[in-house]
Structures are given as C-alpha cells and as structure tokens.
Amino acid sequence: MIKSANAGEKRRSIMTYVGWTIFASIICGFLIKSYVDERVFNRDVKKLLAYYKHVVPGSISDGDEYNAQYLVWKYHNKKNKLWKKLEDKYGIPVREADQWDEKEPTKKKTVDEELDDLDSKSNGEKEDL
C-alpha cells in the first residue's frame, strides 16, 4: 500500500507541475501579446501623426494625438484600409514616421504678417490713385 500511495503522490506532483507550466505559459503568452500590441499601436499613432504633420500642417488633425489614437483603434484590424483612405484623400503615400524628410513644413504667415502685407498693399494702392 505504501508503494501505491507514493505512485499517487508522484502522479499528482507531475500533474501539478504540468498544470502550473501550462498556466505560466498562457500568462506569458498574454503578456507578450499585450506588449506587442501596445508597441504596434504606438508605432501606428506616430505614423499617423507624422503623416498629418507633413501632409496637412496646421490642420485640426495635425498634432491631435487623441484623434490619431482613436483612428488607429478604430481601424486596428483594417490598417491597410486606413492608409489607403488617407492616400486617396490627400494623394500622398503613407510612410513610416522616420521616413519623412526632416525639413520643416512650409511656414505659414502669422496674422500680424498678413495684416502688415495688407497694409503695405493698401498704402501702395492709395498712392497710385
């Protein structure tokens, strides 16, 4: 009877070991998947923000991280569809965030500069009359 009790305990010990190993493998799998998904999500948000920065600078979407996060979340299983829609809408291919030229987007005139230009044009027109 002692031999059968030891065999039962040994079997239970092996099953416990196998159970904990499977449990640990599943947990590690979920952690790795979560980490990879987060990295891909952040990469796509940066990609979208860089696209808006270079294609439509100064727009409401330029620098709007929450909107970029929402779009990437919304198209999480259809990213190719998102990139295709952006390319169709703006006519410029989507690139990775680090593939854009580092030169600054064209500088827009400030309101003061525009008013100065209007003043100089209006003064010149009055003198010609």
N, C-alpha and C. Protein backbone atom coordinates (compact mmCIF):
# COMPACT_ATOMS: atom_id res chain seq x y z
N MET A 1 0.81 -1.18 0.00
CA MET A 1 0.00 0.00 0.00
C MET A 1 0.86 1.26 0.00
N ILE A 2 1.99 1.18 0.58
CA ILE A 2 2.88 2.33 0.60
C ILE A 2 3.36 2.65 -0.81
N LYS A 3 3.62 1.59 -1.58
CA LYS A 3 4.08 1.83 -2.95
C LYS A 3 3.00 2.51 -3.78
N SER A 4 1.74 2.14 -3.63
CA SER A 4 0.67 2.76 -4.41
C SER A 4 0.42 4.20 -3.97
N ALA A 5 0.60 4.48 -2.70
CA ALA A 5 0.42 5.85 -2.21
C ALA A 5 1.51 6.74 -2.78
N ASN A 6 2.74 6.27 -2.85
CA ASN A 6 3.83 7.05 -3.42
C ASN A 6 3.60 7.29 -4.91
N ALA A 7 3.05 6.30 -5.60
CA ALA A 7 2.78 6.45 -7.03
C ALA A 7 1.69 7.50 -7.24
N GLY A 8 0.68 7.53 -6.39
CA GLY A 8 -0.39 8.53 -6.50
C GLY A 8 0.13 9.93 -6.22
N GLU A 9 0.96 10.04 -5.21
CA GLU A 9 1.55 11.34 -4.90
C GLU A 9 2.47 11.82 -6.02
N LYS A 10 3.21 10.88 -6.58
CA LYS A 10 4.11 11.23 -7.68
C LYS A 10 3.31 11.69 -8.89
N ARG A 11 2.23 10.98 -9.20
CA ARG A 11 1.37 11.35 -10.32
C ARG A 11 0.74 12.73 -10.08
N ARG A 12 0.28 12.97 -8.86
CA ARG A 12 -0.32 14.25 -8.51
C ARG A 12 0.72 15.36 -8.60
N SER A 13 1.93 15.09 -8.20
CA SER A 13 3.01 16.06 -8.29
C SER A 13 3.32 16.40 -9.74
N ILE A 14 3.36 15.39 -10.60
CA ILE A 14 3.62 15.62 -12.02
C ILE A 14 2.48 16.43 -12.64
N MET A 15 1.24 16.08 -12.31
CA MET A 15 0.09 16.80 -12.87
C MET A 15 0.08 18.26 -12.39
N THR A 16 0.45 18.47 -11.13
CA THR A 16 0.53 19.84 -10.62
C THR A 16 1.60 20.62 -11.36
N TYR A 17 2.74 20.00 -11.58
CA TYR A 17 3.83 20.65 -12.32
C TYR A 17 3.39 20.98 -13.75
N VAL A 18 2.75 20.05 -14.42
CA VAL A 18 2.27 20.28 -15.79
C VAL A 18 1.22 21.40 -15.80
N GLY A 19 0.32 21.38 -14.82
CA GLY A 19 -0.71 22.41 -14.73
C GLY A 19 -0.13 23.80 -14.55
N TRP A 20 0.83 23.92 -13.63
CA TRP A 20 1.46 25.22 -13.41
C TRP A 20 2.27 25.66 -14.62
N THR A 21 2.89 24.73 -15.30
CA THR A 21 3.66 25.07 -16.50
C THR A 21 2.74 25.60 -17.60
N ILE A 22 1.60 24.94 -17.80
CA ILE A 22 0.63 25.41 -18.80
C ILE A 22 0.08 26.78 -18.42
N PHE A 23 -0.25 26.96 -17.14
CA PHE A 23 -0.76 28.24 -16.66
C PHE A 23 0.26 29.35 -16.88
N ALA A 24 1.52 29.10 -16.53
CA ALA A 24 2.57 30.11 -16.72
C ALA A 24 2.78 30.42 -18.20
N SER A 25 2.70 29.40 -19.05
CA SER A 25 2.86 29.63 -20.49
C SER A 25 1.74 30.51 -21.03
N ILE A 26 0.52 30.27 -20.58
CA ILE A 26 -0.61 31.08 -21.04
C ILE A 26 -0.46 32.52 -20.59
N ILE A 27 -0.10 32.72 -19.33
CA ILE A 27 0.09 34.08 -18.81
C ILE A 27 1.20 34.79 -19.57
N CYS A 28 2.32 34.12 -19.79
CA CYS A 28 3.42 34.73 -20.54
C CYS A 28 2.99 35.07 -21.96
N GLY A 29 2.20 34.20 -22.57
CA GLY A 29 1.69 34.47 -23.92
C GLY A 29 0.84 35.72 -23.96
N PHE A 30 -0.06 35.87 -22.98
CA PHE A 30 -0.88 37.07 -22.92
C PHE A 30 -0.04 38.32 -22.69
N LEU A 31 0.96 38.24 -21.83
CA LEU A 31 1.82 39.39 -21.58
C LEU A 31 2.60 39.79 -22.83
N ILE A 32 3.12 38.82 -23.54
CA ILE A 32 3.87 39.11 -24.75
C ILE A 32 2.96 39.70 -25.81
N LYS A 33 1.76 39.14 -25.98
CA LYS A 33 0.81 39.67 -26.96
C LYS A 33 0.42 41.10 -26.61
N SER A 34 0.18 41.36 -25.35
CA SER A 34 -0.18 42.70 -24.92
C SER A 34 0.95 43.69 -25.21
N TYR A 35 2.17 43.29 -24.93
CA TYR A 35 3.33 44.15 -25.17
C TYR A 35 3.48 44.45 -26.66
N VAL A 36 3.35 43.43 -27.49
CA VAL A 36 3.49 43.62 -28.94
C VAL A 36 2.36 44.49 -29.48
N ASP A 37 1.14 44.26 -29.04
CA ASP A 37 0.01 45.07 -29.49
C ASP A 37 0.20 46.54 -29.12
N GLU A 38 0.69 46.79 -27.93
CA GLU A 38 0.93 48.17 -27.49
C GLU A 38 2.01 48.84 -28.33
N ARG A 39 3.07 48.11 -28.63
CA ARG A 39 4.14 48.66 -29.48
C ARG A 39 3.62 48.99 -30.88
N VAL A 40 2.84 48.10 -31.47
CA VAL A 40 2.28 48.32 -32.81
C VAL A 40 1.32 49.51 -32.78
N PHE A 41 0.50 49.60 -31.75
CA PHE A 41 -0.45 50.71 -31.62
C PHE A 41 0.30 52.04 -31.57
N ASN A 42 1.32 52.13 -30.71
CA ASN A 42 2.09 53.37 -30.59
C ASN A 42 2.82 53.71 -31.89
N ARG A 43 3.35 52.69 -32.58
CA ARG A 43 4.03 52.93 -33.86
C ARG A 43 3.06 53.50 -34.89
N ASP A 44 1.85 52.96 -34.94
CA ASP A 44 0.87 53.44 -35.91
C ASP A 44 0.37 54.84 -35.57
N VAL A 45 0.25 55.16 -34.29
CA VAL A 45 -0.15 56.51 -33.89
C VAL A 45 0.92 57.50 -34.33
N LYS A 46 2.19 57.18 -34.11
CA LYS A 46 3.28 58.06 -34.54
C LYS A 46 3.29 58.20 -36.06
N LYS A 47 3.03 57.13 -36.75
CA LYS A 47 2.99 57.14 -38.22
C LYS A 47 1.88 58.07 -38.71
N LEU A 48 0.71 57.98 -38.10
CA LEU A 48 -0.41 58.82 -38.49
C LEU A 48 -0.16 60.29 -38.16
N LEU A 49 0.41 60.57 -36.99
CA LEU A 49 0.72 61.95 -36.62
C LEU A 49 1.77 62.54 -37.55
N ALA A 50 2.78 61.76 -37.92
CA ALA A 50 3.81 62.25 -38.85
C ALA A 50 3.19 62.51 -40.22
N TYR A 51 2.27 61.67 -40.63
CA TYR A 51 1.61 61.87 -41.93
C TYR A 51 0.83 63.19 -41.93
N TYR A 52 0.04 63.42 -40.89
CA TYR A 52 -0.72 64.67 -40.81
C TYR A 52 0.21 65.87 -40.72
N LYS A 53 1.31 65.74 -40.00
CA LYS A 53 2.25 66.85 -39.84
C LYS A 53 2.85 67.27 -41.18
N HIS A 54 3.15 66.31 -42.04
CA HIS A 54 3.80 66.63 -43.30
C HIS A 54 2.83 66.87 -44.45
N VAL A 55 1.65 66.30 -44.38
CA VAL A 55 0.71 66.43 -45.49
C VAL A 55 -0.23 67.62 -45.30
N VAL A 56 -0.78 67.75 -44.12
CA VAL A 56 -1.71 68.85 -43.84
C VAL A 56 -1.28 69.59 -42.57
N PRO A 57 -0.15 70.31 -42.63
CA PRO A 57 0.31 71.01 -41.42
C PRO A 57 -0.66 72.13 -41.05
N GLY A 58 -0.84 72.30 -39.77
CA GLY A 58 -1.72 73.35 -39.28
C GLY A 58 -3.19 72.99 -39.27
N SER A 59 -3.53 71.79 -39.71
CA SER A 59 -4.93 71.38 -39.68
C SER A 59 -5.31 70.96 -38.27
N ILE A 60 -6.58 70.69 -38.09
CA ILE A 60 -7.05 70.27 -36.77
C ILE A 60 -6.49 68.89 -36.40
N SER A 61 -6.17 68.07 -37.41
CA SER A 61 -5.66 66.72 -37.15
C SER A 61 -4.16 66.72 -36.88
N ASP A 62 -3.46 67.79 -37.24
CA ASP A 62 -2.02 67.86 -37.03
C ASP A 62 -1.74 68.01 -35.54
N GLY A 63 -1.12 67.00 -34.96
CA GLY A 63 -0.77 67.02 -33.55
C GLY A 63 -1.87 66.58 -32.61
N ASP A 64 -3.02 66.18 -33.13
CA ASP A 64 -4.12 65.73 -32.28
C ASP A 64 -3.93 64.25 -31.97
N GLU A 65 -3.26 63.98 -30.86
CA GLU A 65 -2.91 62.61 -30.52
C GLU A 65 -4.13 61.75 -30.20
N TYR A 66 -5.13 62.35 -29.57
CA TYR A 66 -6.33 61.58 -29.22
C TYR A 66 -7.09 61.13 -30.47
N ASN A 67 -7.18 62.00 -31.47
CA ASN A 67 -7.84 61.63 -32.71
C ASN A 67 -7.04 60.53 -33.42
N ALA A 68 -5.72 60.65 -33.41
CA ALA A 68 -4.88 59.63 -34.04
C ALA A 68 -5.04 58.29 -33.32
N GLN A 69 -5.07 58.31 -32.00
CA GLN A 69 -5.27 57.07 -31.24
C GLN A 69 -6.63 56.46 -31.56
N TYR A 70 -7.65 57.30 -31.67
CA TYR A 70 -8.98 56.78 -31.98
C TYR A 70 -9.01 56.14 -33.36
N LEU A 71 -8.41 56.81 -34.36
CA LEU A 71 -8.42 56.25 -35.71
C LEU A 71 -7.66 54.93 -35.77
N VAL A 72 -6.52 54.86 -35.11
CA VAL A 72 -5.75 53.62 -35.11
C VAL A 72 -6.52 52.53 -34.38
N TRP A 73 -7.20 52.87 -33.28
CA TRP A 73 -8.01 51.88 -32.58
C TRP A 73 -9.18 51.42 -33.45
N LYS A 74 -9.83 52.39 -34.12
CA LYS A 74 -10.99 52.07 -34.95
C LYS A 74 -10.62 51.14 -36.10
N TYR A 75 -9.45 51.34 -36.69
CA TYR A 75 -9.02 50.54 -37.82
C TYR A 75 -7.99 49.49 -37.41
N HIS A 76 -8.02 49.00 -36.17
CA HIS A 76 -6.97 48.10 -35.68
C HIS A 76 -6.85 46.82 -36.49
N ASN A 77 -7.92 46.32 -37.06
CA ASN A 77 -7.82 45.12 -37.90
C ASN A 77 -7.85 45.46 -39.38
N LYS A 78 -7.97 46.74 -39.71
CA LYS A 78 -8.07 47.17 -41.10
C LYS A 78 -7.13 48.34 -41.38
N LYS A 79 -5.89 48.25 -40.93
CA LYS A 79 -4.96 49.36 -41.09
C LYS A 79 -4.67 49.67 -42.55
N ASN A 80 -4.62 48.66 -43.38
CA ASN A 80 -4.38 48.91 -44.81
C ASN A 80 -5.49 49.76 -45.40
N LYS A 81 -6.70 49.57 -44.92
CA LYS A 81 -7.84 50.37 -45.38
C LYS A 81 -7.65 51.83 -44.94
N LEU A 82 -7.19 52.05 -43.72
CA LEU A 82 -6.94 53.41 -43.23
C LEU A 82 -5.87 54.09 -44.06
N TRP A 83 -4.74 53.41 -44.29
CA TRP A 83 -3.65 54.01 -45.07
C TRP A 83 -4.13 54.30 -46.50
N LYS A 84 -4.91 53.40 -47.07
CA LYS A 84 -5.42 53.59 -48.44
C LYS A 84 -6.36 54.79 -48.50
N LYS A 85 -7.23 54.95 -47.50
CA LYS A 85 -8.13 56.09 -47.48
C LYS A 85 -7.36 57.41 -47.39
N LEU A 86 -6.34 57.43 -46.56
CA LEU A 86 -5.53 58.65 -46.43
C LEU A 86 -4.81 58.97 -47.74
N GLU A 87 -4.25 57.94 -48.39
CA GLU A 87 -3.56 58.16 -49.66
C GLU A 87 -4.54 58.66 -50.72
N ASP A 88 -5.74 58.11 -50.76
CA ASP A 88 -6.74 58.55 -51.73
C ASP A 88 -7.19 59.99 -51.45
N LYS A 89 -7.35 60.32 -50.18
CA LYS A 89 -7.85 61.64 -49.81
C LYS A 89 -6.83 62.73 -50.10
N TYR A 90 -5.56 62.51 -49.73
CA TYR A 90 -4.55 63.55 -49.85
C TYR A 90 -3.61 63.36 -51.04
N GLY A 91 -3.60 62.19 -51.65
CA GLY A 91 -2.77 61.96 -52.82
C GLY A 91 -1.29 61.79 -52.53
N ILE A 92 -0.94 61.57 -51.27
CA ILE A 92 0.46 61.39 -50.88
C ILE A 92 0.56 60.05 -50.16
N PRO A 93 1.52 59.20 -50.55
CA PRO A 93 1.62 57.89 -49.92
C PRO A 93 2.00 57.99 -48.44
N VAL A 94 1.50 57.05 -47.67
CA VAL A 94 1.79 56.99 -46.24
C VAL A 94 3.14 56.32 -46.05
N ARG A 95 3.98 56.92 -45.22
CA ARG A 95 5.30 56.36 -44.91
C ARG A 95 5.40 56.13 -43.40
N GLU A 96 6.46 55.45 -43.02
CA GLU A 96 6.72 55.29 -41.59
C GLU A 96 7.12 56.65 -41.02
N ALA A 97 7.00 56.81 -39.72
CA ALA A 97 7.24 58.11 -39.08
C ALA A 97 8.67 58.60 -39.30
N ASP A 98 9.64 57.70 -39.36
CA ASP A 98 11.04 58.12 -39.51
C ASP A 98 11.47 58.23 -40.97
N GLN A 99 10.59 58.02 -41.92
CA GLN A 99 10.94 58.10 -43.33
C GLN A 99 10.62 59.46 -43.95
N TRP A 100 9.99 60.34 -43.23
CA TRP A 100 9.68 61.66 -43.75
C TRP A 100 10.92 62.52 -43.71
N ASP A 101 11.03 63.46 -44.64
CA ASP A 101 12.13 64.41 -44.62
C ASP A 101 12.04 65.24 -43.36
N GLU A 102 13.18 65.59 -42.82
CA GLU A 102 13.18 66.32 -41.56
C GLU A 102 13.03 67.82 -41.74
N LYS A 103 12.96 68.29 -42.99
CA LYS A 103 12.80 69.73 -43.16
C LYS A 103 11.44 70.15 -42.63
N GLU A 104 11.39 71.34 -42.13
CA GLU A 104 10.17 71.85 -41.54
C GLU A 104 9.10 72.04 -42.61
N PRO A 105 7.85 71.85 -42.26
CA PRO A 105 6.80 72.16 -43.22
C PRO A 105 6.81 73.65 -43.53
N THR A 106 6.24 74.03 -44.64
CA THR A 106 6.26 75.43 -45.04
C THR A 106 5.67 76.29 -43.93
N LYS A 107 6.39 77.38 -43.63
CA LYS A 107 5.97 78.25 -42.54
C LYS A 107 4.82 79.12 -43.01
N LYS A 108 3.75 79.09 -42.27
CA LYS A 108 2.61 79.92 -42.60
C LYS A 108 2.81 81.29 -41.96
N LYS A 109 2.29 82.30 -42.62
CA LYS A 109 2.39 83.65 -42.09
C LYS A 109 1.49 83.80 -40.87
N THR A 110 1.97 84.58 -39.94
CA THR A 110 1.15 84.86 -38.77
C THR A 110 0.12 85.92 -39.15
N VAL A 111 -0.82 86.15 -38.29
CA VAL A 111 -1.86 87.15 -38.54
C VAL A 111 -1.24 88.53 -38.67
N ASP A 112 -0.24 88.84 -37.83
CA ASP A 112 0.41 90.15 -37.91
C ASP A 112 1.10 90.35 -39.25
N GLU A 113 1.77 89.31 -39.75
CA GLU A 113 2.45 89.41 -41.04
C GLU A 113 1.44 89.61 -42.16
N GLU A 114 0.31 88.93 -42.09
CA GLU A 114 -0.72 89.10 -43.11
C GLU A 114 -1.31 90.50 -43.07
N LEU A 115 -1.52 91.03 -41.87
CA LEU A 115 -2.04 92.39 -41.74
C LEU A 115 -1.04 93.41 -42.25
N ASP A 116 0.25 93.19 -41.98
CA ASP A 116 1.29 94.09 -42.50
C ASP A 116 1.29 94.08 -44.02
N ASP A 117 1.14 92.89 -44.62
CA ASP A 117 1.09 92.79 -46.07
C ASP A 117 -0.12 93.54 -46.62
N LEU A 118 -1.26 93.40 -45.96
CA LEU A 118 -2.46 94.11 -46.41
C LEU A 118 -2.29 95.62 -46.30
N ASP A 119 -1.65 96.07 -45.20
CA ASP A 119 -1.41 97.50 -45.02
C ASP A 119 -0.49 98.04 -46.11
N SER A 120 0.57 97.30 -46.41
CA SER A 120 1.51 97.77 -47.43
C SER A 120 0.85 97.78 -48.80
N LYS A 121 -0.02 96.83 -49.09
CA LYS A 121 -0.72 96.81 -50.37
C LYS A 121 -1.72 97.95 -50.45
N SER A 122 -2.45 98.17 -49.35
CA SER A 122 -3.46 99.24 -49.37
C SER A 122 -2.80 100.61 -49.45
N ASN A 123 -1.66 100.80 -48.80
CA ASN A 123 -0.95 102.07 -48.88
C ASN A 123 -0.45 102.31 -50.29
N GLY A 124 0.05 101.29 -50.91
CA GLY A 124 0.55 101.42 -52.27
C GLY A 124 -0.56 101.73 -53.24
N GLU A 125 -1.73 101.16 -53.06
CA GLU A 125 -2.86 101.42 -53.96
C GLU A 125 -3.36 102.86 -53.80
N LYS A 126 -3.39 103.35 -52.58
CA LYS A 126 -3.87 104.70 -52.37
C LYS A 126 -2.94 105.72 -53.02
N GLU A 127 -1.65 105.45 -52.98
CA GLU A 127 -0.69 106.39 -53.57
C GLU A 127 -0.81 106.39 -55.08
N ASP A 128 -1.17 105.23 -55.67
CA ASP A 128 -1.29 105.17 -57.11
C ASP A 128 -2.53 105.91 -57.59
N LEU A 129 -3.55 106.01 -56.78
CA LEU A 129 -4.77 106.67 -57.20
C LEU A 129 -4.55 108.12 -57.20
